[in-house]
Amino acid sequence: MSESVETQIRRALWECAKRRKSLDEFRAWFVPLSWNIEESKDAQAIKLAHHIDGILAEASSGGWTEDQLQEQLTSPFVATSFAESVVGDPSPFPIPQSSVASAYEAA
């Protein structure tokens, strides 16, 4: 069974978050997909694609830096759902260890 369009989009964003793909590679893949997203008849994919289109438009008109765009595109809203359902990792981004626990254990 092939992946849903939504899963493909989330996978591409997750790969971008993990820096396995660049923003340019993501855009080159995503823009043609988003032009015909309604044809997928996948309501969640359509909603996600429109959200991403909005981010890309805001970034373009607002003069965002690549880092700002990267942060918005790889937000937990996008990447966490993919990681939970496909990768099995509910936290695709490293969670820093609390220094409080380390300090307590050292005492």
C-alpha atoms as a PDB file:
ATOM      1  CA  MET A   1       0.000   0.000   0.000  1.00  0.00           C
ATOM      2  CA  SER A   2       1.403   3.407  -0.927  1.00  0.00           C
ATOM      3  CA  GLU A   3       1.662   6.313   1.467  1.00  0.00           C
ATOM      4  CA  SER A   4      -1.109   8.879   1.602  1.00  0.00           C
ATOM      5  CA  VAL A   5      -0.324  12.303   0.182  1.00  0.00           C
ATOM      6  CA  GLU A   6      -0.493  13.741   3.705  1.00  0.00           C
ATOM      7  CA  THR A   7       2.101  11.231   4.905  1.00  0.00           C
ATOM      8  CA  GLN A   8       4.352  12.038   1.937  1.00  0.00           C
ATOM      9  CA  ILE A   9       4.209  15.741   2.801  1.00  0.00           C
ATOM     10  CA  ARG A  10       4.873  15.127   6.489  1.00  0.00           C
ATOM     11  CA  ARG A  11       7.757  12.787   5.631  1.00  0.00           C
ATOM     12  CA  ALA A  12       9.329  15.453   3.405  1.00  0.00           C
ATOM     13  CA  LEU A  13       8.958  18.049   6.169  1.00  0.00           C
ATOM     14  CA  TRP A  14      10.387  15.668   8.749  1.00  0.00           C
ATOM     15  CA  GLU A  15      13.373  15.019   6.478  1.00  0.00           C
ATOM     16  CA  CYS A  16      13.796  18.783   6.178  1.00  0.00           C
ATOM     17  CA  ALA A  17      13.622  19.134   9.977  1.00  0.00           C
ATOM     18  CA  LYS A  18      16.295  16.479  10.339  1.00  0.00           C
ATOM     19  CA  ARG A  19      18.309  18.297   7.651  1.00  0.00           C
ATOM     20  CA  ARG A  20      18.257  15.241   5.401  1.00  0.00           C
ATOM     21  CA  LYS A  21      16.769  17.495   2.710  1.00  0.00           C
ATOM     22  CA  SER A  22      17.309  21.188   2.157  1.00  0.00           C
ATOM     23  CA  LEU A  23      14.535  23.783   2.019  1.00  0.00           C
ATOM     24  CA  ASP A  24      15.217  24.173  -1.691  1.00  0.00           C
ATOM     25  CA  GLU A  25      14.777  20.427  -2.231  1.00  0.00           C
ATOM     26  CA  PHE A  26      11.538  20.512  -0.242  1.00  0.00           C
ATOM     27  CA  ARG A  27      10.182  23.478  -2.221  1.00  0.00           C
ATOM     28  CA  ALA A  28      11.151  21.892  -5.555  1.00  0.00           C
ATOM     29  CA  TRP A  29       9.184  18.785  -4.556  1.00  0.00           C
ATOM     30  CA  PHE A  30       6.260  20.457  -2.769  1.00  0.00           C
ATOM     31  CA  VAL A  31       5.259  23.301  -5.098  1.00  0.00           C
ATOM     32  CA  PRO A  32       4.231  21.103  -8.059  1.00  0.00           C
ATOM     33  CA  LEU A  33       2.427  18.760  -5.655  1.00  0.00           C
ATOM     34  CA  SER A  34       0.491  21.612  -4.073  1.00  0.00           C
ATOM     35  CA  TRP A  35      -0.742  22.907  -7.441  1.00  0.00           C
ATOM     36  CA  ASN A  36      -2.928  19.803  -7.818  1.00  0.00           C
ATOM     37  CA  ILE A  37      -3.475  18.871  -4.177  1.00  0.00           C
ATOM     38  CA  GLU A  38      -7.277  18.968  -4.481  1.00  0.00           C
ATOM     39  CA  GLU A  39      -7.084  16.086  -6.943  1.00  0.00           C
ATOM     40  CA  SER A  40      -5.817  13.877  -4.114  1.00  0.00           C
ATOM     41  CA  LYS A  41      -9.230  14.108  -2.428  1.00  0.00           C
ATOM     42  CA  ASP A  42      -7.295  13.687   0.834  1.00  0.00           C
ATOM     43  CA  ALA A  43      -8.848  16.287   3.160  1.00  0.00           C
ATOM     44  CA  GLN A  44      -5.933  16.209   5.608  1.00  0.00           C
ATOM     45  CA  ALA A  45      -3.355  16.546   2.825  1.00  0.00           C
ATOM     46  CA  ILE A  46      -5.278  19.475   1.348  1.00  0.00           C
ATOM     47  CA  LYS A  47      -5.455  21.203   4.727  1.00  0.00           C
ATOM     48  CA  LEU A  48      -1.741  20.617   5.363  1.00  0.00           C
ATOM     49  CA  ALA A  49      -0.733  21.772   1.856  1.00  0.00           C
ATOM     50  CA  HIS A  50      -2.756  24.963   2.225  1.00  0.00           C
ATOM     51  CA  HIS A  51      -1.104  25.600   5.600  1.00  0.00           C
ATOM     52  CA  ILE A  52       2.343  25.145   4.050  1.00  0.00           C
ATOM     53  CA  ASP A  53       1.407  27.334   1.062  1.00  0.00           C
ATOM     54  CA  GLY A  54       0.467  30.034   3.571  1.00  0.00           C
ATOM     55  CA  ILE A  55       3.807  29.727   5.339  1.00  0.00           C
ATOM     56  CA  LEU A  56       5.694  29.920   2.043  1.00  0.00           C
ATOM     57  CA  ALA A  57       3.687  32.978   0.949  1.00  0.00           C
ATOM     58  CA  GLU A  58       4.247  34.723   4.286  1.00  0.00           C
ATOM     59  CA  ALA A  59       7.952  33.968   4.153  1.00  0.00           C
ATOM     60  CA  SER A  60       8.220  35.329   0.638  1.00  0.00           C
ATOM     61  CA  SER A  61       6.317  38.555   1.292  1.00  0.00           C
ATOM     62  CA  GLY A  62       7.760  39.051   4.772  1.00  0.00           C
ATOM     63  CA  GLY A  63      11.385  38.602   3.813  1.00  0.00           C
ATOM     64  CA  TRP A  64      11.931  35.774   6.274  1.00  0.00           C
ATOM     65  CA  THR A  65      15.366  34.267   6.658  1.00  0.00           C
ATOM     66  CA  GLU A  66      15.938  30.630   5.720  1.00  0.00           C
ATOM     67  CA  ASP A  67      16.167  29.833   9.446  1.00  0.00           C
ATOM     68  CA  GLN A  68      12.775  31.422  10.143  1.00  0.00           C
ATOM     69  CA  LEU A  69      11.221  29.503   7.273  1.00  0.00           C
ATOM     70  CA  GLN A  70      12.879  26.275   8.410  1.00  0.00           C
ATOM     71  CA  GLU A  71      11.491  26.780  11.918  1.00  0.00           C
ATOM     72  CA  GLN A  72       7.943  27.320  10.676  1.00  0.00           C
ATOM     73  CA  LEU A  73       7.956  24.445   8.199  1.00  0.00           C
ATOM     74  CA  THR A  74       9.384  21.965  10.661  1.00  0.00           C
ATOM     75  CA  SER A  75       7.226  22.910  13.618  1.00  0.00           C
ATOM     76  CA  PRO A  76       5.803  20.146  15.811  1.00  0.00           C
ATOM     77  CA  PHE A  77       2.409  20.749  14.132  1.00  0.00           C
ATOM     78  CA  VAL A  78       3.899  19.252  11.010  1.00  0.00           C
ATOM     79  CA  ALA A  79       6.631  16.869  12.082  1.00  0.00           C
ATOM     80  CA  THR A  80       5.208  15.291  15.241  1.00  0.00           C
ATOM     81  CA  SER A  81       2.214  13.715  13.521  1.00  0.00           C
ATOM     82  CA  PHE A  82       4.493  12.163  10.934  1.00  0.00           C
ATOM     83  CA  ALA A  83       6.946  10.879  13.515  1.00  0.00           C
ATOM     84  CA  GLU A  84       4.225   9.324  15.661  1.00  0.00           C
ATOM     85  CA  SER A  85       2.444   7.558  12.853  1.00  0.00           C
ATOM     86  CA  VAL A  86       5.296   6.551  10.579  1.00  0.00           C
ATOM     87  CA  VAL A  87       8.605   6.629  12.348  1.00  0.00           C
ATOM     88  CA  GLY A  88       7.322   5.593  15.770  1.00  0.00           C
ATOM     89  CA  ASP A  89       9.281   8.386  17.407  1.00  0.00           C
ATOM     90  CA  PRO A  90       6.854  10.764  19.143  1.00  0.00           C
ATOM     91  CA  SER A  91       9.603  13.336  19.457  1.00  0.00           C
ATOM     92  CA  PRO A  92      11.423  13.890  16.155  1.00  0.00           C
ATOM     93  CA  PHE A  93      13.348  16.755  17.707  1.00  0.00           C
ATOM     94  CA  PRO A  94      15.873  16.237  20.494  1.00  0.00           C
ATOM     95  CA  ILE A  95      14.519  17.149  23.905  1.00  0.00           C
ATOM     96  CA  PRO A  96      17.177  18.636  26.136  1.00  0.00           C
ATOM     97  CA  GLN A  97      17.795  16.888  29.428  1.00  0.00           C
ATOM     98  CA  SER A  98      16.862  18.844  32.498  1.00  0.00           C
ATOM     99  CA  SER A  99      19.898  20.195  34.267  1.00  0.00           C
ATOM    100  CA  VAL A 100      17.933  20.110  37.535  1.00  0.00           C
ATOM    101  CA  ALA A 101      17.926  16.306  37.630  1.00  0.00           C
ATOM    102  CA  SER A 102      21.637  16.174  36.844  1.00  0.00           C
ATOM    103  CA  ALA A 103      22.435  18.736  39.549  1.00  0.00           C
ATOM    104  CA  TYR A 104      20.327  16.834  42.087  1.00  0.00           C
ATOM    105  CA  GLU A 105      22.003  13.529  41.283  1.00  0.00           C
ATOM    106  CA  ALA A 106      25.459  15.106  41.532  1.00  0.00           C
ATOM    107  CA  ALA A 107      24.751  16.440  45.045  1.00  0.00           C
END
